[in-house]
Amino acid sequence: MSFSRRHVLVGSTALVAFTGLSRRARAQDAQATESYANQVTGYGPLVLDPEGILDLPAGFTYRVIRQSGETMDDGLLMPGKPDGMGCFAGEGSQVILVCNHEVKPRHRDLGPTGIGHRLRDQLPADKVYDTYLDGHPMGGGTTTVVYDLAEQRVVRQHLSLTGTATNCAGGVTPWRSWLSCEEIELTAGAQSNRDHGWVFEVPADAQGLVDPIPLKAMGRFEHEAACVDPATSIVYLTEDKDDSLLYRFIPTTPGQLIDGGRLQALVIDGAPGADTRNWNGAILWRMGDWLDARWVDLEDVESPHEDLRIRGHAAGAALFARGEGLTWGNGDLFFACTSGGANRSGQIMRLVPSRDGAADRLQLFLESADEQVYDYGDNLTVAPWGDLLVCEDRYTEERTHLRGVTPEGQVYTIARNAHAENAEFAGVCVSPDGSTVFVNVMDPGYTLAITGRWHSR
């Protein structure tokens, strides 16, 4: 049976309950520190998937809607390494998914033209941002998928951005586009003909390849994710480095990022150069604490020397531990610091932008004290029912999980990667009607659609 058509019903009448997880959860609760005794039940214990793909609670179903290597409607192949992803309303019961593919320069055979670039002649040269030194197209970019929620099937899919590198995460905009972020600083002449480390914009309604225009005013660094404040059109940006900064981009023309703007980095008020990571016994703050925050302008943001964060920190910007997933909430935003915290299992920050010129407010919303409960949170989104959905990406024997986090900062388990590859979850997003959660599994390159009793936690 083709994975793209597989439909698995997970229920206690069909399968054996995954009771080991619930026993472990009780043990974890008993061992949790006073500040982190916060694991909750969520939707109940997981149930083993006989297909060996995804363990879910009873009453939930998943469908593998596509897989890397499939031929898309434009004749090209779905690239490997599906990562960050955004969901947009489409016509009727349809939604549109725009998906990044974190195809690194070394992944020469995982791009849309296949092994040996055998389909390279199908790519129009003016739509390819960059090539290797030998002239073959670089394999990173985005695909666009139209999915029908009622019929539970892919209507069509196509390549929408190509010739980029290591497109990790990104974010949706209020004007119906996806910001695709390159998580790499690659200088022309080493492996490629052009510099990399940019943000690209992909309209959700694009019917084919878009013009690959780097938004250079948004900075050149190892970009991770982006989100937009709908009230101001300010774009917030994370950076996947151990000593990363949090950035914001103030566009010259709201909704027109191509017109340029001003790039800034966050500074803790009264504590220039503050270290939010809580590493090595240097505890700046604890879960639930708030700090005032302001912003400092950055210069030379195209960063030819790949030192933007270093110069920003010297100007007072705060340090974060691998800023990754970033999402807009209800007048606030949340971002994951994957290796933050005293035991380096992860933090989630909450930022409330000021509307009256006063300082912004930054909260340590969550800090993991137990990797069994929350470990290396990466891509995340705010669900319509108010919880955060967070992808874990640590490759361990414990397996990666899709976690939920309540508005009170309590953690529960939604799903477990049961596939032999044990790859990270990525790209979690929710259909506008709240019926379907979409998530990617990086290897072997699945996109999953999960349905169930989302509103009954």
Protein backbone atom coordinates (compact mmCIF):
# COMPACT_ATOMS: atom_id res chain seq x y z
CA MET A 1 0.00 0.00 0.00
CA SER A 2 1.37 3.45 -0.89
CA PHE A 3 2.32 5.62 2.09
CA SER A 4 0.61 8.57 0.43
CA ARG A 5 -2.72 6.76 0.75
CA ARG A 6 -2.23 5.04 4.08
CA HIS A 7 -4.79 5.81 6.77
CA VAL A 8 -4.27 4.39 10.23
CA LEU A 9 -6.91 4.48 12.95
CA VAL A 10 -5.43 4.52 16.43
CA GLY A 11 -7.79 3.19 19.08
CA SER A 12 -7.78 1.05 22.16
CA THR A 13 -10.00 -1.52 20.46
CA ALA A 14 -7.52 -1.94 17.64
CA LEU A 15 -4.14 -1.82 19.32
CA VAL A 16 -2.32 -2.51 22.56
CA ALA A 17 -2.09 0.56 24.81
CA PHE A 18 1.32 2.04 25.23
CA THR A 19 1.22 1.70 29.01
CA GLY A 20 4.97 2.05 29.44
CA LEU A 21 4.68 5.73 28.66
CA SER A 22 2.10 6.36 31.36
CA ARG A 23 4.19 4.47 33.94
CA ARG A 24 7.22 6.54 32.99
CA ALA A 25 5.18 9.73 33.19
CA ARG A 26 4.20 8.92 36.78
CA ALA A 27 7.84 8.28 37.64
CA GLN A 28 8.81 11.56 36.01
CA ASP A 29 6.25 13.46 38.03
CA ALA A 30 7.63 11.96 41.22
CA GLN A 31 11.16 13.00 40.30
CA ALA A 32 10.32 16.46 38.96
CA THR A 33 11.72 19.48 40.70
CA GLU A 34 9.38 21.78 42.57
CA SER A 35 9.67 24.35 39.79
CA TYR A 36 8.88 21.84 37.08
CA ALA A 37 6.29 19.40 38.45
CA ASN A 38 4.18 20.32 35.47
CA GLN A 39 3.58 17.32 33.23
CA VAL A 40 -0.13 16.76 32.60
CA THR A 41 -2.13 14.03 30.92
CA GLY A 42 -3.15 15.77 27.73
CA TYR A 43 -5.09 13.35 25.52
CA GLY A 44 -4.09 10.18 27.36
CA PRO A 45 -1.41 7.51 26.89
CA LEU A 46 -0.03 6.76 23.47
CA VAL A 47 -0.96 3.67 21.50
CA LEU A 48 1.59 1.71 19.50
CA ASP A 49 1.26 2.09 15.73
CA PRO A 50 1.53 -1.30 13.98
CA GLU A 51 2.80 0.52 10.88
CA GLY A 52 5.76 1.82 12.88
CA ILE A 53 5.30 5.46 11.89
CA LEU A 54 3.45 7.48 14.54
CA ASP A 55 2.17 6.60 18.01
CA LEU A 56 -0.90 8.65 19.00
CA PRO A 57 -3.49 8.68 21.79
CA ALA A 58 -6.65 6.63 21.32
CA GLY A 59 -9.15 8.28 19.00
CA PHE A 60 -6.62 10.05 16.79
CA THR A 61 -5.76 9.18 13.20
CA TYR A 62 -2.95 10.11 10.88
CA ARG A 63 -2.47 10.04 7.16
CA VAL A 64 0.89 10.20 5.37
CA ILE A 65 -0.09 12.67 2.65
CA ARG A 66 3.24 12.80 0.81
CA GLN A 67 6.81 11.58 0.93
CA SER A 68 10.18 12.82 -0.31
CA GLY A 69 11.03 11.45 -3.74
CA GLU A 70 7.46 11.45 -5.04
CA THR A 71 6.86 13.03 -8.43
CA MET A 72 4.92 16.27 -8.06
CA ASP A 73 2.47 17.79 -10.53
CA ASP A 74 5.21 19.88 -12.17
CA GLY A 75 7.22 16.75 -12.97
CA LEU A 76 9.87 17.49 -10.33
CA LEU A 77 10.49 15.45 -7.19
CA MET A 78 9.43 16.35 -3.68
CA PRO A 79 12.79 17.28 -2.10
CA GLY A 80 14.12 15.65 1.03
CA LYS A 81 14.34 17.05 4.57
CA PRO A 82 10.88 18.68 4.90
CA ASP A 83 11.16 21.20 7.72
CA GLY A 84 9.30 24.40 8.61
CA MET A 85 5.80 24.74 7.16
CA GLY A 86 2.88 27.17 7.13
CA CYS A 87 -0.83 26.58 6.56
CA PHE A 88 -3.17 28.98 4.72
CA ALA A 89 -6.89 28.86 3.99
CA GLY A 90 -7.70 27.83 0.42
CA GLU A 91 -10.90 27.48 -1.57
CA GLY A 92 -13.78 25.66 0.11
CA SER A 93 -12.43 22.82 2.25
CA GLN A 94 -8.91 23.20 0.89
CA VAL A 95 -5.81 24.48 2.65
CA ILE A 96 -2.43 25.46 1.23
CA LEU A 97 0.78 24.24 2.83
CA VAL A 98 4.08 25.93 2.00
CA CYS A 99 6.93 23.72 3.16
CA ASN A 100 10.65 24.35 3.55
CA HIS A 101 13.20 21.70 2.63
CA GLU A 102 16.42 21.81 4.65
CA VAL A 103 18.55 20.46 1.83
CA LYS A 104 22.13 21.35 2.71
CA PRO A 105 24.87 21.82 0.10
CA ARG A 106 26.17 18.32 0.85
CA HIS A 107 22.74 16.79 0.07
CA ARG A 108 23.29 16.97 -3.67
CA ASP A 109 20.86 14.13 -4.49
CA LEU A 110 17.98 15.25 -2.23
CA GLY A 111 16.86 18.22 -4.31
CA PRO A 112 13.90 18.41 -6.72
CA THR A 113 15.96 17.28 -9.74
CA GLY A 114 16.84 13.91 -8.22
CA ILE A 115 19.94 11.75 -8.16
CA GLY A 116 22.60 13.14 -10.44
CA HIS A 117 20.38 16.18 -11.14
CA ARG A 118 18.73 14.18 -13.90
CA LEU A 119 15.73 16.58 -14.07
CA ARG A 120 17.75 19.80 -14.09
CA ASP A 121 16.56 20.78 -17.58
CA GLN A 122 13.03 21.11 -16.20
CA LEU A 123 14.08 24.08 -14.05
CA PRO A 124 13.96 27.49 -15.76
CA ALA A 125 17.35 29.10 -15.14
CA ASP A 126 15.87 32.47 -14.18
CA LYS A 127 13.94 30.86 -11.28
CA VAL A 128 16.99 29.17 -9.73
CA TYR A 129 18.61 31.37 -7.08
CA ASP A 130 22.01 29.67 -7.14
CA THR A 131 24.03 26.73 -8.41
CA TYR A 132 27.02 24.73 -7.29
CA LEU A 133 30.33 25.67 -8.87
CA ASP A 134 29.74 22.94 -11.46
CA GLY A 135 26.49 24.59 -12.57
CA HIS A 136 24.01 22.12 -11.02
CA PRO A 137 21.14 23.76 -9.09
CA MET A 138 21.32 23.88 -5.32
CA GLY A 139 18.56 21.78 -3.81
CA GLY A 140 17.04 23.86 -1.02
CA GLY A 141 13.75 25.72 -1.33
CA THR A 142 10.03 25.24 -0.79
CA THR A 143 7.16 23.16 -2.09
CA THR A 144 3.50 24.20 -2.12
CA VAL A 145 0.75 21.67 -1.44
CA VAL A 146 -3.00 22.06 -1.84
CA TYR A 147 -4.77 19.64 0.51
CA ASP A 148 -8.51 19.00 0.78
CA LEU A 149 -9.57 18.58 4.41
CA ALA A 150 -12.95 17.07 3.56
CA GLU A 151 -11.61 14.55 1.06
CA GLN A 152 -8.34 14.04 3.01
CA ARG A 153 -6.17 14.07 -0.08
CA VAL A 154 -3.53 16.12 -1.83
CA VAL A 155 -5.09 18.02 -4.74
CA ARG A 156 -1.78 19.16 -6.22
CA GLN A 157 1.77 20.03 -5.24
CA HIS A 158 4.64 21.82 -6.93
CA LEU A 159 8.04 23.38 -6.37
CA SER A 160 7.72 27.06 -5.40
CA LEU A 161 11.27 28.19 -4.52
CA THR A 162 14.55 26.62 -5.60
CA GLY A 163 18.30 27.12 -5.73
CA THR A 164 18.58 28.09 -2.08
CA ALA A 165 20.30 26.18 0.74
CA THR A 166 19.34 24.76 4.14
CA ASN A 167 15.85 26.26 4.23
CA CYS A 168 15.06 25.47 7.83
CA ALA A 169 12.05 27.25 9.28
CA GLY A 170 10.27 30.50 8.51
CA GLY A 171 6.84 31.93 9.17
CA VAL A 172 3.52 32.99 7.71
CA THR A 173 2.66 36.63 7.08
CA PRO A 174 -0.73 38.37 7.41
CA TRP A 175 -0.55 39.10 3.67
CA ARG A 176 -0.59 35.38 2.77
CA SER A 177 3.02 34.59 2.14
CA TRP A 178 5.63 32.31 3.65
CA LEU A 179 9.02 33.60 4.75
CA SER A 180 11.57 30.88 3.98
CA CYS A 181 14.78 31.23 5.99
CA GLU A 182 18.22 29.88 5.11
CA GLU A 183 19.98 28.40 8.13
CA ILE A 184 23.45 28.79 6.69
CA GLU A 185 26.09 31.43 6.04
CA LEU A 186 27.66 30.27 2.80
CA THR A 187 30.05 32.62 1.01
CA ALA A 188 30.22 32.67 -2.76
CA GLY A 189 33.19 30.82 -4.21
CA ALA A 190 33.44 28.02 -1.66
CA GLN A 191 30.65 25.72 -2.86
CA SER A 192 28.25 28.13 -4.51
CA ASN A 193 28.24 31.07 -6.88
CA ARG A 194 26.28 33.39 -4.58
CA ASP A 195 26.17 34.22 -0.87
CA HIS A 196 23.58 32.49 1.31
CA GLY A 197 22.04 33.26 4.70
CA TRP A 198 18.93 35.15 3.56
CA VAL A 199 15.16 35.22 3.88
CA PHE A 200 13.01 34.65 0.77
CA GLU A 201 9.28 35.34 0.40
CA VAL A 202 6.90 32.84 -1.22
CA PRO A 203 3.27 33.88 -1.82
CA ALA A 204 0.92 31.12 -0.72
CA ASP A 205 -1.13 31.42 -3.91
CA ALA A 206 1.83 31.12 -6.29
CA GLN A 207 1.07 28.52 -8.98
CA GLY A 208 4.71 27.74 -9.78
CA LEU A 209 8.25 28.86 -9.05
CA VAL A 210 8.56 32.37 -7.62
CA ASP A 211 11.32 34.84 -8.39
CA PRO A 212 14.05 33.99 -5.82
CA ILE A 213 14.76 37.44 -4.38
CA PRO A 214 16.80 37.54 -1.15
CA LEU A 215 15.48 40.08 1.37
CA LYS A 216 18.94 41.32 2.29
CA ALA A 217 17.79 44.08 4.63
CA MET A 218 16.54 41.33 6.98
CA GLY A 219 20.14 40.35 7.63
CA ARG A 220 22.56 37.62 6.70
CA PHE A 221 22.98 35.03 9.44
CA GLU A 222 21.96 31.44 10.25
CA HIS A 223 18.26 32.18 10.12
CA GLU A 224 15.80 29.84 11.73
CA ALA A 225 12.23 31.13 11.99
CA ALA A 226 10.15 34.27 11.51
CA CYS A 227 6.82 35.62 12.65
CA VAL A 228 4.95 38.85 12.00
CA ASP A 229 3.07 41.12 14.39
CA PRO A 230 -0.16 41.70 12.43
CA ALA A 231 -0.70 45.08 14.10
CA THR A 232 2.63 46.57 13.05
CA SER A 233 4.01 44.28 10.28
CA ILE A 234 7.24 44.01 12.33
CA VAL A 235 8.98 40.71 11.60
CA TYR A 236 10.70 38.84 14.44
CA LEU A 237 13.55 36.47 13.58
CA THR A 238 15.47 33.74 15.41
CA GLU A 239 18.99 32.40 14.84
CA ASP A 240 20.16 28.82 15.37
CA LYS A 241 23.48 29.35 17.16
CA ASP A 242 24.54 28.61 20.74
CA ASP A 243 25.15 32.35 21.17
CA SER A 244 22.27 33.62 19.07
CA LEU A 245 20.35 36.88 19.19
CA LEU A 246 16.66 37.68 18.80
CA TYR A 247 16.09 40.08 15.92
CA ARG A 248 13.26 42.26 14.68
CA PHE A 249 12.87 43.87 11.27
CA ILE A 250 10.88 47.10 10.98
CA PRO A 251 9.81 47.37 7.33
CA THR A 252 9.93 50.68 5.54
CA THR A 253 6.57 49.82 3.93
CA PRO A 254 4.26 47.55 5.97
CA GLY A 255 3.61 44.36 4.02
CA GLN A 256 6.30 45.14 1.43
CA LEU A 257 9.48 43.61 2.79
CA ILE A 258 11.28 44.06 -0.52
CA ASP A 259 11.32 47.82 0.17
CA GLY A 260 13.83 47.31 2.99
CA GLY A 261 13.77 48.44 6.57
CA ARG A 262 15.67 48.49 9.86
CA LEU A 263 17.12 45.42 11.61
CA GLN A 264 17.47 45.41 15.40
CA ALA A 265 18.43 43.00 18.20
CA LEU A 266 16.85 42.59 21.64
CA VAL A 267 18.61 44.05 24.70
CA ILE A 268 17.62 43.32 28.31
CA ASP A 269 16.84 46.68 29.90
CA GLY A 270 19.56 47.62 32.36
CA ALA A 271 21.65 44.51 31.56
CA PRO A 272 23.48 44.93 28.25
CA GLY A 273 24.89 41.66 26.94
CA ALA A 274 22.71 39.60 29.32
CA ASP A 275 22.90 35.81 29.02
CA THR A 276 19.41 34.25 29.12
CA ARG A 277 20.66 30.68 28.74
CA ASN A 278 21.09 29.82 32.46
CA TRP A 279 24.16 27.75 31.62
CA ASN A 280 27.02 26.68 33.87
CA GLY A 281 25.39 27.84 37.06
CA ALA A 282 24.97 31.43 35.85
CA ILE A 283 21.23 31.64 36.52
CA LEU A 284 19.82 34.90 35.19
CA TRP A 285 16.18 34.03 35.83
CA ARG A 286 13.73 31.25 36.58
CA MET A 287 10.59 29.96 34.94
CA GLY A 288 7.84 32.56 35.09
CA ASP A 289 10.19 35.54 35.59
CA TRP A 290 9.81 38.67 33.46
CA LEU A 291 12.41 41.17 32.23
CA ASP A 292 12.05 44.49 30.42
CA ALA A 293 13.50 44.54 26.91
CA ARG A 294 14.42 47.14 24.33
CA TRP A 295 16.10 47.06 20.91
CA VAL A 296 19.39 48.19 19.42
CA ASP A 297 19.94 49.07 15.75
CA LEU A 298 22.35 46.83 13.81
CA GLU A 299 24.77 48.03 11.16
CA ASP A 300 26.17 46.32 8.06
CA VAL A 301 23.41 43.73 8.21
CA GLU A 302 24.50 41.93 5.02
CA SER A 303 27.42 40.79 7.17
CA PRO A 304 30.12 39.84 4.66
CA HIS A 305 32.30 38.64 7.55
CA GLU A 306 29.53 36.47 9.07
CA ASP A 307 29.77 38.29 12.40
CA LEU A 308 26.39 40.01 12.80
CA ARG A 309 25.52 38.34 16.11
CA ILE A 310 29.01 39.05 17.52
CA ARG A 311 28.74 42.74 16.70
CA GLY A 312 25.18 42.79 18.01
CA HIS A 313 26.21 41.25 21.31
CA ALA A 314 29.04 43.77 21.63
CA ALA A 315 26.38 46.48 21.23
CA GLY A 316 24.42 45.05 24.16
CA ALA A 317 22.16 42.40 22.63
CA ALA A 318 21.16 39.46 24.85
CA LEU A 319 22.32 35.90 24.20
CA PHE A 320 19.94 33.01 23.62
CA ALA A 321 20.65 29.27 23.32
CA ARG A 322 19.83 28.26 19.74
CA GLY A 323 16.77 30.31 18.96
CA GLU A 324 14.59 28.14 16.71
CA GLY A 325 10.78 27.87 16.45
CA LEU A 326 8.93 31.19 16.57
CA THR A 327 5.19 31.86 16.44
CA TRP A 328 2.77 34.73 16.91
CA GLY A 329 0.11 34.28 19.59
CA ASN A 330 -2.52 36.71 20.86
CA GLY A 331 -0.66 39.98 21.17
CA ASP A 332 2.54 38.13 22.04
CA LEU A 333 5.04 35.74 20.52
CA PHE A 334 6.76 32.55 21.67
CA PHE A 335 10.14 31.22 20.60
CA ALA A 336 12.04 28.06 21.44
CA CYS A 337 15.64 28.10 22.65
CA THR A 338 16.49 24.51 21.86
CA SER A 339 19.45 23.95 24.18
CA GLY A 340 18.65 26.56 26.81
CA GLY A 341 18.28 25.99 30.52
CA ALA A 342 20.43 24.73 33.36
CA ASN A 343 20.40 21.17 31.99
CA ARG A 344 20.36 22.34 28.36
CA SER A 345 17.11 20.53 27.50
CA GLY A 346 15.30 23.60 26.26
CA GLN A 347 13.54 26.83 27.07
CA ILE A 348 10.54 28.67 25.62
CA MET A 349 10.48 32.47 25.76
CA ARG A 350 7.44 34.71 25.59
CA LEU A 351 7.72 38.29 24.34
CA VAL A 352 4.95 40.88 24.71
CA PRO A 353 5.66 43.88 22.45
CA SER A 354 4.76 47.28 23.87
CA ARG A 355 2.07 49.31 22.12
CA ASP A 356 2.79 52.61 23.89
CA GLY A 357 6.54 53.12 23.57
CA ALA A 358 7.36 51.51 26.90
CA ALA A 359 9.72 48.55 27.22
CA ASP A 360 8.70 45.21 25.76
CA ARG A 361 8.28 42.37 28.27
CA LEU A 362 10.24 39.10 27.99
CA GLN A 363 9.29 36.03 30.04
CA LEU A 364 11.04 32.72 30.63
CA PHE A 365 7.80 30.87 29.90
CA LEU A 366 9.21 27.36 30.20
CA GLU A 367 12.53 25.78 31.17
CA SER A 368 12.92 22.02 31.06
CA ALA A 369 14.37 20.35 34.13
CA ASP A 370 13.72 16.85 32.78
CA GLU A 371 14.45 15.80 29.20
CA GLN A 372 11.92 12.97 29.58
CA VAL A 373 9.18 15.60 29.78
CA TYR A 374 10.46 18.20 27.30
CA ASP A 375 13.64 17.92 25.27
CA TYR A 376 15.06 20.13 22.52
CA GLY A 377 11.88 21.87 21.44
CA ASP A 378 12.24 23.34 17.96
CA ASN A 379 9.41 24.29 15.54
CA LEU A 380 6.28 25.41 17.37
CA THR A 381 2.90 26.99 16.77
CA VAL A 382 -0.02 28.34 18.79
CA ALA A 383 -3.05 26.10 18.19
CA PRO A 384 -6.57 27.54 17.81
CA TRP A 385 -7.47 26.02 21.21
CA GLY A 386 -4.74 28.05 22.92
CA ASP A 387 -1.94 25.55 23.53
CA LEU A 388 1.53 25.53 22.02
CA LEU A 389 2.39 22.56 19.82
CA VAL A 390 6.14 21.90 19.89
CA CYS A 391 8.34 19.60 17.79
CA GLU A 392 11.27 17.91 19.52
CA ASP A 393 14.42 17.29 17.53
CA ARG A 394 16.93 15.49 19.76
CA TYR A 395 18.02 12.19 18.20
CA THR A 396 18.14 9.81 21.18
CA GLU A 397 16.94 6.34 22.11
CA GLU A 398 14.01 7.99 23.88
CA ARG A 399 12.55 9.00 20.49
CA THR A 400 11.34 12.41 19.42
CA HIS A 401 7.90 13.63 20.40
CA LEU A 402 5.32 16.19 19.44
CA ARG A 403 4.50 17.97 22.70
CA GLY A 404 1.71 20.25 23.83
CA VAL A 405 2.22 23.09 26.29
CA THR A 406 -0.73 24.66 28.07
CA PRO A 407 -1.06 28.43 28.66
CA GLU A 408 0.10 27.68 32.23
CA GLY A 409 3.35 26.13 30.96
CA GLN A 410 2.37 22.51 31.60
CA VAL A 411 3.65 19.88 29.15
CA TYR A 412 1.88 16.87 27.66
CA THR A 413 2.66 14.38 24.93
CA ILE A 414 0.73 14.32 21.66
CA ALA A 415 2.69 11.93 19.45
CA ARG A 416 5.86 9.83 19.27
CA ASN A 417 7.98 9.14 16.22
CA ALA A 418 7.85 5.36 15.85
CA HIS A 419 9.77 5.17 12.57
CA ALA A 420 13.13 3.40 12.53
CA GLU A 421 14.84 6.60 11.35
CA ASN A 422 13.87 8.33 14.63
CA ALA A 423 14.19 11.72 12.91
CA GLU A 424 12.99 15.04 14.23
CA PHE A 425 9.48 16.37 13.92
CA ALA A 426 9.26 19.72 12.13
CA GLY A 427 6.87 22.20 10.58
CA VAL A 428 3.90 21.74 12.90
CA CYS A 429 0.94 23.87 11.84
CA VAL A 430 -2.85 23.71 12.16
CA SER A 431 -5.64 24.12 9.63
CA PRO A 432 -7.66 27.32 10.15
CA ASP A 433 -10.71 25.34 11.29
CA GLY A 434 -8.66 23.52 13.93
CA SER A 435 -9.54 20.06 12.59
CA THR A 436 -6.13 18.95 11.33
CA VAL A 437 -2.59 19.22 12.63
CA PHE A 438 0.11 18.92 9.97
CA VAL A 439 3.66 17.93 10.83
CA ASN A 440 6.76 16.77 8.97
CA VAL A 441 9.13 13.95 9.83
CA MET A 442 12.50 14.91 8.38
CA ASP A 443 13.64 11.41 7.51
CA PRO A 444 12.48 9.59 5.49
CA GLY A 445 10.61 12.77 4.56
CA TYR A 446 6.93 12.42 5.44
CA THR A 447 4.22 15.06 5.73
CA LEU A 448 1.49 13.84 8.09
CA ALA A 449 -2.07 15.04 8.60
CA ILE A 450 -3.40 14.22 12.10
CA THR A 451 -7.06 14.43 13.00
CA GLY A 452 -8.86 13.76 16.27
CA ARG A 453 -10.43 15.29 19.33
CA TRP A 454 -8.16 18.32 19.46
CA HIS A 455 -10.58 20.45 21.46
CA SER A 456 -11.17 17.85 24.21
CA ARG A 457 -7.89 17.86 26.10
